[in-house]
Amino acid sequence: MKIAILGAGAMGLLYGGLLKKNGNNIKFIVRDKSKKKVINEKGIALNIDSNSFIVYPEAILANEATNFDLVIVFTKTNDTVEALSSIKNIINENTFLMSLQNGLGNFEKLTTFSNSSKIIYGTTMAPADLINVREVTSSGSHKSQFKLAEDKNLNIVKEVASIFNRAKLNSLVNENVENVIWSKVAFNTAMNTICALLEITPGSIDKDPQLKSFAIEVARETCNVAKATHIQIKEEEVLKKIELSCREHGDHKPSMLQDMLLKKKTEIDSLNGEVIKIGSLNNIQTPLNTSLFHLIKAKESNFNLN
């Protein structure tokens, strides 16, 4: 299977690197020539738990892309449409698109470029810390869950799960993946946003009982919005994710924190922002999500002043 990784940030490097290490045909589609040059000349450095290694996948620019069997979108949600637009000429009836991105609305964005029978979507709890443009660190247990949008070509989604598992990217096909996506959103609206706002890691939240209690209340508020849309979300599972993050990924810098430290726009719109919108449509109050949303937006606006 010819696989393209669209987006060479932390998650893209982690998945693409591990897939390449296991012998898969992987190419990275990147935006700028400098990143292409670095990856092609120096490879990708992966630090997985206590093991470190370098792999050498090929990096190409969008205008150099040819046909792929699977394109895995690992850009920020804000960049999805622009990134896919840059390679729309190679997306055809044989191309499967896949998203494991954070937030809500990712599936809908992919439908702009392909029909639902060719779209795989879901979420992942894999942690990935970007050390530099070609190096990423990950540790602890995690799981990715996804499904094919339509009950066609089921063999392909099973094959993708098998490829991921052989590359030690713990994965399973889950027909109820919307519940899992919302569970991850509930986790992220709390943990990612608080870490980004205060510029701390999950371990710091774990050490502060009041802060941890606040994170739990934010997650519960998001769960209430999910339930209003008939999502079968289990609060106890979300709270387990918070505990797991604090216990096993205490030093991990969530993606929103990494963006904040780099003074880049975050994914707040697809997380807390979407929760606020959906809550409003369903007459659910979201004061905690709303406060966090505006505080992150305030920090982002300061970046433009520098």
Protein backbone atom coordinates (compact mmCIF):
# COMPACT_ATOMS: atom_id res chain seq x y z
CA MET A 1 0.00 0.00 0.00
CA LYS A 2 1.35 3.42 -1.01
CA ILE A 3 0.79 5.77 1.93
CA ALA A 4 1.18 9.54 2.05
CA ILE A 5 1.49 11.47 5.30
CA LEU A 6 0.04 14.94 4.74
CA GLY A 7 1.59 17.09 7.44
CA ALA A 8 4.98 16.51 9.08
CA GLY A 9 4.29 17.82 12.56
CA ALA A 10 4.59 15.76 15.73
CA MET A 11 1.82 13.24 14.95
CA GLY A 12 2.76 12.98 11.28
CA LEU A 13 6.39 12.24 12.12
CA LEU A 14 5.38 9.68 14.76
CA TYR A 15 3.01 7.73 12.53
CA GLY A 16 4.99 8.08 9.34
CA GLY A 17 8.23 7.21 11.09
CA LEU A 18 6.89 4.07 12.77
CA LEU A 19 5.15 2.95 9.56
CA LYS A 20 8.40 3.43 7.63
CA LYS A 21 10.37 1.55 10.29
CA ASN A 22 8.10 -1.43 9.73
CA GLY A 23 8.85 -1.43 6.01
CA ASN A 24 5.83 0.39 4.61
CA ASN A 25 5.92 2.53 1.46
CA ILE A 26 5.71 6.00 3.03
CA LYS A 27 6.10 9.50 1.63
CA PHE A 28 5.69 12.78 3.47
CA ILE A 29 3.98 15.63 1.64
CA VAL A 30 5.39 18.85 3.10
CA ARG A 31 4.80 22.54 2.44
CA ASP A 32 8.30 23.95 2.23
CA LYS A 33 11.54 23.01 0.55
CA SER A 34 13.61 23.38 3.72
CA LYS A 35 11.67 20.65 5.56
CA LYS A 36 11.84 18.44 2.47
CA LYS A 37 15.61 18.89 2.38
CA VAL A 38 16.09 18.13 6.09
CA ILE A 39 13.97 14.95 6.06
CA ASN A 40 15.53 13.63 2.86
CA GLU A 41 19.09 14.31 4.01
CA LYS A 42 18.91 13.50 7.73
CA GLY A 43 15.85 11.27 8.08
CA ILE A 44 13.38 11.26 10.97
CA ALA A 45 14.58 10.67 14.53
CA LEU A 46 12.13 8.79 16.75
CA ASN A 47 12.45 8.42 20.52
CA ILE A 48 9.91 5.79 21.55
CA ASP A 49 9.92 4.99 25.27
CA SER A 50 13.55 3.96 25.88
CA ASN A 51 14.42 3.32 22.22
CA SER A 52 15.81 5.78 19.68
CA PHE A 53 16.29 5.27 15.96
CA ILE A 54 16.35 7.08 12.62
CA VAL A 55 14.34 6.17 9.53
CA TYR A 56 14.60 7.59 6.03
CA PRO A 57 11.24 8.11 4.32
CA GLU A 58 11.05 10.36 1.27
CA ALA A 59 9.64 13.87 1.59
CA ILE A 60 8.06 15.61 -1.40
CA LEU A 61 6.24 18.84 -2.14
CA ALA A 62 2.54 18.88 -3.01
CA ASN A 63 3.22 19.56 -6.69
CA GLU A 64 5.46 16.47 -6.81
CA ALA A 65 2.82 14.11 -5.44
CA THR A 66 1.52 11.22 -7.51
CA ASN A 67 -1.22 8.70 -6.79
CA PHE A 68 -1.47 7.08 -3.34
CA ASP A 69 -3.68 4.34 -1.96
CA LEU A 70 -4.04 6.13 1.37
CA VAL A 71 -3.50 9.75 2.39
CA ILE A 72 -3.37 10.25 6.16
CA VAL A 73 -4.08 13.85 7.09
CA PHE A 74 -2.03 14.99 10.06
CA THR A 75 -2.12 18.74 9.55
CA LYS A 76 -3.70 21.01 12.13
CA THR A 77 -7.47 21.07 11.67
CA ASN A 78 -7.19 24.73 10.62
CA ASP A 79 -5.00 23.68 7.67
CA THR A 80 -6.91 20.60 6.45
CA VAL A 81 -8.77 22.19 3.55
CA GLU A 82 -5.75 24.10 2.28
CA ALA A 83 -3.51 21.03 2.51
CA LEU A 84 -5.94 18.73 0.69
CA SER A 85 -6.60 21.40 -1.93
CA SER A 86 -2.89 21.38 -2.74
CA ILE A 87 -3.09 17.69 -3.77
CA LYS A 88 -6.68 17.47 -5.01
CA ASN A 89 -5.46 16.58 -8.51
CA ILE A 90 -4.21 13.19 -7.25
CA ILE A 91 -7.29 12.32 -5.18
CA ASN A 92 -9.36 9.95 -7.29
CA GLU A 93 -11.80 7.03 -6.99
CA ASN A 94 -8.97 4.78 -5.76
CA THR A 95 -7.72 7.14 -3.03
CA PHE A 96 -8.68 6.68 0.60
CA LEU A 97 -8.46 9.69 2.90
CA MET A 98 -7.91 9.25 6.62
CA SER A 99 -8.07 11.61 9.60
CA LEU A 100 -7.07 10.98 13.21
CA GLN A 101 -6.91 14.70 13.93
CA ASN A 102 -8.03 16.41 17.10
CA GLY A 103 -11.40 18.07 17.41
CA LEU A 104 -14.77 17.97 15.69
CA GLY A 105 -15.64 18.43 12.02
CA ASN A 106 -12.71 16.56 10.49
CA PHE A 107 -14.89 14.03 8.65
CA GLU A 108 -16.96 16.83 7.13
CA LYS A 109 -13.84 18.54 5.79
CA LEU A 110 -12.70 15.34 4.09
CA THR A 111 -16.06 14.92 2.34
CA THR A 112 -15.25 18.06 0.34
CA PHE A 113 -12.57 16.05 -1.44
CA SER A 114 -13.98 12.52 -1.60
CA ASN A 115 -17.18 10.55 -1.05
CA SER A 116 -17.77 8.91 2.30
CA SER A 117 -17.06 5.40 1.00
CA LYS A 118 -13.42 6.48 0.67
CA ILE A 119 -13.05 8.20 4.05
CA ILE A 120 -11.61 6.66 7.22
CA TYR A 121 -11.90 8.76 10.34
CA GLY A 122 -11.38 8.45 14.06
CA THR A 123 -9.04 9.56 16.80
CA THR A 124 -5.84 8.64 18.61
CA MET A 125 -4.55 9.02 22.14
CA ALA A 126 -0.93 8.69 21.02
CA PRO A 127 1.27 11.40 22.60
CA ALA A 128 3.88 13.05 20.40
CA ASP A 129 6.33 15.80 21.36
CA LEU A 130 8.08 17.63 18.55
CA ILE A 131 11.74 18.16 19.47
CA ASN A 132 12.71 19.83 16.20
CA VAL A 133 11.58 19.68 12.55
CA ARG A 134 12.71 16.05 12.16
CA GLU A 135 12.61 14.58 15.67
CA VAL A 136 9.71 13.41 17.82
CA THR A 137 9.35 11.73 21.22
CA SER A 138 6.54 9.47 22.43
CA SER A 139 6.07 7.31 25.51
CA GLY A 140 3.43 5.34 27.36
CA SER A 141 0.44 3.34 26.18
CA HIS A 142 -2.10 4.64 23.68
CA LYS A 143 -4.76 3.52 21.23
CA SER A 144 -6.13 4.69 17.89
CA GLN A 145 -9.71 3.93 16.87
CA PHE A 146 -11.31 4.56 13.50
CA LYS A 147 -13.91 3.40 11.00
CA LEU A 148 -14.83 3.65 7.34
CA ALA A 149 -17.60 6.20 6.90
CA GLU A 150 -19.69 3.78 4.82
CA ASP A 151 -20.00 0.02 5.18
CA LYS A 152 -18.14 -0.60 1.95
CA ASN A 153 -14.56 -1.66 1.33
CA LEU A 154 -14.34 -2.99 4.89
CA ASN A 155 -11.25 -4.96 3.97
CA ILE A 156 -9.32 -1.74 3.45
CA VAL A 157 -10.00 -0.36 6.93
CA LYS A 158 -9.10 -3.74 8.45
CA GLU A 159 -5.89 -3.70 6.43
CA VAL A 160 -5.04 -0.22 7.69
CA ALA A 161 -5.59 -1.34 11.29
CA SER A 162 -3.36 -4.37 10.67
CA ILE A 163 -0.62 -2.19 9.15
CA PHE A 164 -0.78 0.17 12.13
CA ASN A 165 -0.66 -2.66 14.67
CA ARG A 166 2.36 -4.25 13.01
CA ALA A 167 4.08 -0.86 13.32
CA LYS A 168 3.24 -0.81 17.08
CA LEU A 169 0.57 1.84 16.59
CA ASN A 170 -2.08 0.15 18.72
CA SER A 171 -5.28 0.38 16.66
CA LEU A 172 -8.74 -1.08 16.22
CA VAL A 173 -11.75 -0.60 13.97
CA ASN A 174 -14.67 0.78 15.97
CA GLU A 175 -18.08 1.31 14.36
CA ASN A 176 -19.04 3.57 17.27
CA VAL A 177 -16.05 5.83 16.79
CA GLU A 178 -18.13 9.02 17.13
CA ASN A 179 -18.45 8.22 20.83
CA VAL A 180 -14.67 7.86 21.07
CA ILE A 181 -14.08 11.11 19.17
CA TRP A 182 -16.30 12.99 21.59
CA SER A 183 -14.54 11.30 24.50
CA LYS A 184 -11.22 12.59 23.18
CA VAL A 185 -12.76 16.04 22.64
CA ALA A 186 -13.96 16.09 26.26
CA PHE A 187 -10.43 15.19 27.34
CA ASN A 188 -8.82 17.80 25.07
CA THR A 189 -11.16 20.66 25.95
CA ALA A 190 -9.93 20.21 29.50
CA MET A 191 -6.33 18.97 29.45
CA ASN A 192 -5.02 20.44 26.18
CA THR A 193 -6.59 23.83 26.77
CA ILE A 194 -5.51 24.17 30.40
CA CYS A 195 -1.96 23.06 29.57
CA ALA A 196 -1.81 25.59 26.72
CA LEU A 197 -3.27 28.42 28.77
CA LEU A 198 -0.96 27.94 31.77
CA GLU A 199 1.95 26.57 29.71
CA ILE A 200 2.27 23.44 31.83
CA THR A 201 2.16 19.67 31.27
CA PRO A 202 -0.35 17.10 32.60
CA GLY A 203 1.95 16.27 35.50
CA SER A 204 1.49 19.80 36.86
CA ILE A 205 -2.29 19.43 36.72
CA ASP A 206 -2.01 16.15 38.60
CA LYS A 207 -0.05 17.81 41.40
CA ASP A 208 -2.62 20.56 41.95
CA PRO A 209 -5.92 19.18 43.37
CA GLN A 210 -7.87 22.34 42.56
CA LEU A 211 -6.58 22.47 39.00
CA LYS A 212 -7.28 18.78 38.48
CA SER A 213 -10.80 19.25 39.84
CA PHE A 214 -11.29 22.11 37.40
CA ALA A 215 -10.10 19.95 34.48
CA ILE A 216 -12.61 17.27 35.46
CA GLU A 217 -15.45 19.82 35.56
CA VAL A 218 -14.53 21.11 32.10
CA ALA A 219 -14.54 17.56 30.75
CA ARG A 220 -17.93 16.90 32.36
CA GLU A 221 -19.36 20.06 30.80
CA THR A 222 -18.23 18.83 27.37
CA CYS A 223 -19.76 15.42 28.10
CA ASN A 224 -23.10 17.14 28.80
CA VAL A 225 -23.00 18.72 25.34
CA ALA A 226 -22.18 15.35 23.76
CA LYS A 227 -25.11 13.71 25.51
CA ALA A 228 -27.43 16.41 24.19
CA THR A 229 -26.52 15.29 20.66
CA HIS A 230 -27.29 11.66 21.55
CA ILE A 231 -23.64 10.63 21.76
CA GLN A 232 -23.20 7.65 24.08
CA ILE A 233 -20.28 9.14 25.99
CA LYS A 234 -19.12 7.66 29.27
CA GLU A 235 -17.81 10.22 31.73
CA GLU A 236 -15.87 7.58 33.63
CA GLU A 237 -13.92 6.73 30.46
CA VAL A 238 -13.02 10.40 29.96
CA LEU A 239 -11.85 10.65 33.57
CA LYS A 240 -9.73 7.52 33.03
CA LYS A 241 -8.08 9.29 30.08
CA ILE A 242 -7.27 12.22 32.33
CA GLU A 243 -5.75 9.89 34.92
CA LEU A 244 -3.77 8.04 32.24
CA SER A 245 -2.46 11.31 30.86
CA CYS A 246 -1.33 12.46 34.30
CA ARG A 247 0.20 9.08 35.17
CA GLU A 248 1.90 8.00 31.93
CA HIS A 249 2.23 11.24 29.94
CA GLY A 250 2.99 13.66 32.75
CA ASP A 251 5.83 15.38 30.89
CA HIS A 252 4.10 15.33 27.50
CA LYS A 253 3.47 18.70 25.88
CA PRO A 254 -0.02 18.50 24.31
CA SER A 255 -0.32 19.80 20.76
CA MET A 256 -2.05 23.00 21.83
CA LEU A 257 0.72 23.73 24.31
CA GLN A 258 3.33 23.11 21.63
CA ASP A 259 1.53 25.60 19.39
CA MET A 260 1.32 28.13 22.20
CA LEU A 261 5.04 27.89 22.94
CA LEU A 262 5.77 28.39 19.24
CA LYS A 263 3.33 31.33 19.16
CA LYS A 264 1.20 29.59 16.54
CA LYS A 265 -2.56 29.51 16.14
CA THR A 266 -4.07 26.62 18.12
CA GLU A 267 -6.93 24.22 17.38
CA ILE A 268 -9.21 25.88 19.93
CA ASP A 269 -11.93 26.49 17.32
CA SER A 270 -12.38 22.78 16.58
CA LEU A 271 -12.32 21.88 20.28
CA ASN A 272 -13.84 24.26 22.83
CA GLY A 273 -15.18 26.46 20.03
CA GLU A 274 -17.22 23.62 18.50
CA VAL A 275 -18.45 22.53 21.94
CA ILE A 276 -19.72 26.06 22.58
CA LYS A 277 -21.56 26.17 19.23
CA ILE A 278 -23.14 22.74 19.64
CA GLY A 279 -24.05 23.52 23.24
CA SER A 280 -25.80 26.71 22.15
CA LEU A 281 -27.79 24.84 19.49
CA ASN A 282 -28.96 22.40 22.15
CA ASN A 283 -29.61 24.96 24.91
CA ILE A 284 -26.70 23.64 27.01
CA GLN A 285 -24.73 26.23 28.98
CA THR A 286 -20.94 25.99 28.55
CA PRO A 287 -19.41 28.66 30.85
CA LEU A 288 -16.15 26.76 31.45
CA ASN A 289 -15.51 25.99 27.78
CA THR A 290 -16.46 29.57 26.89
CA SER A 291 -14.03 31.04 29.40
CA LEU A 292 -11.17 28.84 28.26
CA PHE A 293 -11.95 29.59 24.61
CA HIS A 294 -11.76 33.35 25.12
CA LEU A 295 -8.62 33.13 27.24
CA ILE A 296 -6.81 31.10 24.57
CA LYS A 297 -8.01 33.53 21.89
CA ALA A 298 -6.67 36.41 23.98
CA LYS A 299 -3.26 34.76 24.17
CA GLU A 300 -3.29 34.12 20.43
CA SER A 301 -4.13 37.75 19.69
CA ASN A 302 -1.05 38.84 21.63
CA PHE A 303 1.13 36.84 19.23
CA ASN A 304 0.08 39.19 16.43
CA LEU A 305 1.34 42.14 18.42
CA ASN A 306 4.89 40.84 18.63
